[in-house]
Protein backbone atom coordinates (compact mmCIF):
# COMPACT_ATOMS: atom_id res chain seq x y z
CA MET A 1 -4.72 8.61 -16.93
CA LYS A 2 -4.24 11.17 -14.17
CA THR A 3 -2.34 10.32 -10.98
CA PHE A 4 -1.04 12.06 -7.89
CA SER A 5 0.96 10.71 -4.95
CA ILE A 6 1.90 12.20 -1.60
CA THR A 7 3.61 10.95 1.55
CA ASP A 8 3.58 12.81 4.86
CA ILE A 9 5.32 12.19 8.19
CA GLY A 10 2.11 12.83 10.15
CA GLN A 11 1.87 14.53 13.55
CA ARG A 12 3.60 12.12 15.90
CA ARG A 13 6.39 10.21 14.14
CA GLU A 14 10.03 11.28 14.09
CA MET A 15 10.64 9.87 10.61
CA ASN A 16 8.64 8.76 7.60
CA GLN A 17 8.92 4.99 7.13
CA ASP A 18 6.44 4.95 4.23
CA TYR A 19 7.68 4.88 0.65
CA VAL A 20 5.75 5.57 -2.55
CA TYR A 21 6.52 4.92 -6.21
CA THR A 22 4.52 5.81 -9.31
CA SER A 23 5.22 5.39 -13.01
CA GLU A 24 2.56 6.04 -15.64
CA LYS A 25 5.08 4.82 -18.24
CA PRO A 26 5.99 1.14 -18.79
CA VAL A 27 8.30 -0.58 -16.32
CA GLY A 28 9.72 -3.49 -18.28
CA ASN A 29 6.73 -5.49 -19.54
CA LEU A 30 4.33 -3.79 -17.13
CA PRO A 31 2.32 -0.95 -18.72
CA ASN A 32 2.71 1.19 -15.56
CA LEU A 33 3.43 0.61 -11.88
CA PHE A 34 2.22 2.06 -8.57
CA ILE A 35 3.48 0.96 -5.12
CA VAL A 36 2.88 1.92 -1.49
CA ALA A 37 5.06 0.43 1.26
CA ASP A 38 4.86 0.99 5.03
CA GLY A 39 8.06 -0.01 6.80
CA MET A 40 8.54 -1.33 10.31
CA GLY A 41 11.54 -1.88 12.54
CA GLY A 42 13.89 0.01 14.79
CA HIS A 43 15.57 3.35 14.08
CA ASN A 44 16.11 3.67 10.30
CA ALA A 45 15.29 -0.02 9.69
CA GLY A 46 11.65 0.51 8.68
CA ASP A 47 12.64 3.47 6.54
CA TYR A 48 15.28 1.32 4.83
CA ALA A 49 12.97 -1.69 4.45
CA SER A 50 10.23 0.15 2.58
CA LYS A 51 12.61 2.04 0.27
CA TYR A 52 14.79 -1.00 -0.47
CA THR A 53 11.77 -3.21 -1.13
CA VAL A 54 10.14 -0.79 -3.54
CA GLU A 55 13.38 -0.11 -5.41
CA THR A 56 14.02 -3.85 -5.73
CA ILE A 57 10.50 -4.52 -7.02
CA VAL A 58 10.92 -1.81 -9.65
CA ASP A 59 14.37 -3.09 -10.65
CA VAL A 60 13.25 -6.74 -10.98
CA ALA A 61 10.07 -5.80 -12.85
CA SER A 62 12.02 -3.61 -15.27
CA LYS A 63 14.28 -6.56 -16.21
CA SER A 64 11.75 -9.40 -16.08
CA GLU A 65 11.28 -11.51 -19.21
CA LEU A 66 7.85 -12.61 -18.01
CA THR A 67 4.81 -11.14 -19.74
CA GLU A 68 1.84 -11.79 -17.42
CA PRO A 69 1.38 -8.87 -14.96
CA ILE A 70 0.63 -11.08 -11.93
CA ALA A 71 3.65 -13.29 -12.69
CA ILE A 72 5.90 -10.23 -12.93
CA LEU A 73 4.61 -8.80 -9.63
CA ASP A 74 5.03 -12.20 -7.95
CA GLU A 75 8.62 -12.56 -9.16
CA ALA A 76 9.51 -8.99 -8.16
CA ILE A 77 7.96 -9.13 -4.67
CA GLN A 78 9.36 -12.58 -3.85
CA THR A 79 12.84 -11.41 -4.93
CA ALA A 80 12.55 -8.24 -2.85
CA ASN A 81 11.47 -10.33 0.14
CA ARG A 82 14.49 -12.65 -0.09
CA MET A 83 16.91 -9.77 -0.61
CA LEU A 84 15.50 -7.83 2.35
CA ILE A 85 15.95 -10.90 4.59
CA ASP A 86 19.55 -11.19 3.37
CA ARG A 87 20.17 -7.52 4.22
CA ALA A 88 18.74 -8.00 7.71
CA ASN A 89 20.97 -11.04 8.27
CA GLU A 90 24.02 -9.02 7.22
CA ASN A 91 23.28 -6.15 9.64
CA PRO A 92 22.26 -6.93 13.25
CA GLN A 93 20.81 -3.41 13.66
CA MET A 94 18.28 -4.21 10.96
CA LYS A 95 17.19 -7.54 12.40
CA GLY A 96 13.40 -7.81 12.37
CA MET A 97 12.83 -5.07 9.81
CA GLY A 98 10.00 -5.50 7.34
CA THR A 99 7.43 -3.68 5.27
CA THR A 100 3.95 -3.91 3.86
CA VAL A 101 3.54 -3.55 0.12
CA VAL A 102 0.58 -2.97 -2.17
CA ALA A 103 1.40 -2.84 -5.89
CA LEU A 104 -0.76 -2.12 -8.92
CA THR A 105 -0.47 -2.18 -12.68
CA ILE A 106 -3.32 -1.10 -14.96
CA LEU A 107 -3.96 -2.56 -18.42
CA GLY A 108 -6.89 -0.79 -20.04
CA SER A 109 -9.81 -1.16 -17.64
CA HIS A 110 -8.22 -4.09 -15.78
CA LEU A 111 -6.35 -3.79 -12.49
CA PHE A 112 -3.68 -6.30 -11.44
CA ILE A 113 -2.98 -5.96 -7.71
CA ALA A 114 -0.52 -7.55 -5.28
CA ASN A 115 -0.75 -7.12 -1.50
CA VAL A 116 1.19 -8.07 1.62
CA GLY A 117 0.30 -6.47 4.96
CA ASP A 118 -2.28 -3.80 5.77
CA SER A 119 -1.71 -1.07 3.22
CA ARG A 120 -4.79 -0.91 1.02
CA LEU A 121 -6.24 -0.41 -2.44
CA TYR A 122 -9.79 0.89 -2.89
CA VAL A 123 -12.03 1.54 -5.88
CA VAL A 124 -14.16 4.62 -5.21
CA ASN A 125 -17.26 5.88 -7.03
CA GLN A 126 -20.78 6.14 -5.60
CA GLU A 127 -19.55 3.51 -3.13
CA ILE A 128 -16.14 2.71 -1.68
CA GLN A 129 -14.87 -0.85 -2.05
CA GLN A 130 -11.74 -2.13 -0.34
CA ILE A 131 -10.19 -4.57 -2.81
CA THR A 132 -7.25 -5.75 -0.73
CA ARG A 133 -7.59 -7.64 2.56
CA ASP A 134 -5.58 -6.56 5.59
CA HIS A 135 -3.10 -9.12 6.86
CA SER A 136 -3.43 -8.07 10.49
CA LEU A 137 -4.23 -9.78 13.77
CA VAL A 138 -7.31 -7.65 14.33
CA GLU A 139 -8.62 -8.20 10.78
CA GLU A 140 -8.23 -11.96 11.24
CA MET A 141 -10.34 -11.68 14.40
CA VAL A 142 -13.00 -9.73 12.49
CA ARG A 143 -13.06 -12.32 9.70
CA LEU A 144 -13.48 -15.12 12.23
CA GLY A 145 -16.36 -13.29 13.89
CA GLU A 146 -14.43 -12.79 17.13
CA LEU A 147 -14.43 -8.99 16.95
CA ASP A 148 -16.86 -6.34 15.75
CA LYS A 149 -15.57 -4.19 12.86
CA GLU A 150 -16.29 -0.91 14.67
CA ILE A 151 -14.47 -2.05 17.83
CA ALA A 152 -11.58 -3.23 15.65
CA ARG A 153 -10.80 0.36 14.60
CA GLU A 154 -9.65 1.23 18.14
CA HIS A 155 -8.24 -2.16 19.15
CA PRO A 156 -4.82 -1.88 20.90
CA ASP A 157 -3.35 -4.65 18.70
CA LYS A 158 -4.48 -3.01 15.46
CA ASN A 159 -0.92 -2.47 14.24
CA ILE A 160 0.15 -6.13 14.56
CA ILE A 161 0.37 -7.48 11.01
CA THR A 162 0.40 -11.19 10.16
CA ARG A 163 2.27 -10.96 6.84
CA ALA A 164 5.14 -8.71 5.84
CA ILE A 165 7.98 -8.46 3.37
CA GLY A 166 11.13 -9.54 5.23
CA ALA A 167 9.45 -11.93 7.69
CA ILE A 168 9.79 -15.41 6.12
CA ALA A 169 11.73 -16.86 3.18
CA GLU A 170 8.71 -17.22 0.89
CA VAL A 171 6.07 -14.60 1.50
CA ASP A 172 2.38 -15.33 0.91
CA ILE A 173 1.12 -12.67 -1.50
CA ASP A 174 -2.54 -11.92 -2.23
CA PHE A 175 -3.35 -11.16 -5.86
CA PHE A 176 -6.50 -9.51 -7.17
CA GLU A 177 -7.82 -8.75 -10.65
CA VAL A 178 -10.57 -6.14 -10.91
CA ASP A 179 -12.26 -4.26 -13.74
CA VAL A 180 -12.91 -0.52 -13.38
CA GLU A 181 -15.32 1.72 -15.27
CA GLN A 182 -15.49 5.32 -16.41
CA GLY A 183 -15.75 7.57 -13.33
CA ASP A 184 -14.03 5.14 -10.97
CA CYS A 185 -11.18 6.44 -8.81
CA ILE A 186 -8.42 4.19 -7.47
CA LEU A 187 -6.96 4.92 -4.04
CA MET A 188 -3.82 3.25 -2.65
CA CYS A 189 -2.74 4.15 0.89
CA SER A 190 -0.92 3.18 4.06
CA ASP A 191 -2.79 2.60 7.30
CA GLY A 192 -1.80 6.07 8.46
CA LEU A 193 -4.74 7.23 6.34
CA THR A 194 -7.29 4.50 7.08
CA ASN A 195 -6.70 4.54 10.85
CA MET A 196 -7.54 8.24 10.88
CA ILE A 197 -10.48 8.44 8.45
CA GLU A 198 -13.53 6.18 8.11
CA ASP A 199 -14.08 4.63 4.68
CA GLU A 200 -17.27 6.60 4.01
CA ASP A 201 -15.48 9.83 4.89
CA ILE A 202 -12.68 8.88 2.50
CA ARG A 203 -15.28 8.42 -0.23
CA ALA A 204 -16.93 11.76 0.60
CA ILE A 205 -13.60 13.59 0.40
CA ILE A 206 -12.76 12.02 -2.96
CA MET A 207 -16.19 12.77 -4.40
CA SER A 208 -16.09 16.39 -3.18
CA GLN A 209 -12.80 17.21 -4.93
CA ARG A 210 -12.50 17.07 -8.72
CA ASP A 211 -8.73 17.10 -9.15
CA VAL A 212 -6.44 14.16 -8.24
CA ALA A 213 -4.00 16.43 -6.39
CA GLU A 214 -6.80 18.08 -4.41
CA GLN A 215 -8.22 14.66 -3.50
CA ALA A 216 -4.87 13.33 -2.26
CA GLU A 217 -3.93 16.49 -0.36
CA LYS A 218 -7.35 16.76 1.28
CA LEU A 219 -7.11 13.13 2.46
CA VAL A 220 -3.69 13.75 4.04
CA ASP A 221 -4.81 17.05 5.60
CA THR A 222 -7.88 15.38 7.11
CA ALA A 223 -5.85 12.47 8.51
CA ASN A 224 -3.48 14.98 10.13
CA ARG A 225 -6.36 17.03 11.55
CA ASN A 226 -7.82 13.83 13.00
CA GLY A 227 -4.59 13.15 14.89
CA GLY A 228 -2.02 12.02 12.31
CA ARG A 229 -0.77 9.22 14.55
CA ASP A 230 1.30 7.60 11.78
CA ASN A 231 2.94 8.36 8.46
CA ILE A 232 0.36 8.94 5.73
CA THR A 233 0.82 7.89 2.11
CA VAL A 234 -1.73 8.23 -0.68
CA ILE A 235 -1.85 7.53 -4.42
CA VAL A 236 -4.96 8.68 -6.29
CA ILE A 237 -5.50 7.44 -9.84
CA HIS A 238 -8.14 8.44 -12.38
CA PRO A 239 -7.56 5.70 -14.97
CA PHE A 240 -9.76 7.11 -17.75
CA GLU A 241 -8.70 10.78 -17.74
């Protein structure tokens, strides 16, 4: 397995509220663990929310006595959600903070994925397939047929998410299980990437660069050249190298 992660403040933000975690080695009963979180909230609150959530997920997963990957991710994310709410209730300045999270563990050729919010996981080869589903107001409108997908990219409410860690006592998590094949590339990212680069252009960049580091860095550079309106976080994984 080859992996590379990078997070960048972008061109317009004063701080980076994204947080990234990667471990190719086991984390408790998980064979490995990869997480992207995109925080939201007032000054410092989004930054705190993403970091605290990821660190809590890692801590809970490392101590979990469960053995099924999805069960471990569920336990860890639900615990992080409750603890983040408690932190917000203890500190009025952090009221309303929250974060997206997309988490992955890989067992052989099988991906176990958990998602809350609009950070994404893709499988890229000759095509690009978004595995996760965005929990956003605009995406809900697209799914209901109320909005065209192309118009949705520039919609003024694009950043309004409908699910987040830290919002309600029991968060609704999406889980996915997917098989990958030799030659497949896994991409995890915050919306600072996908709002700046079309999916097909993301695929073209990945396919034009051989090395995981070059792929990740080229994606971030392109997002910044296209405007870099938000923080940009990327994890690229070649599971069979």
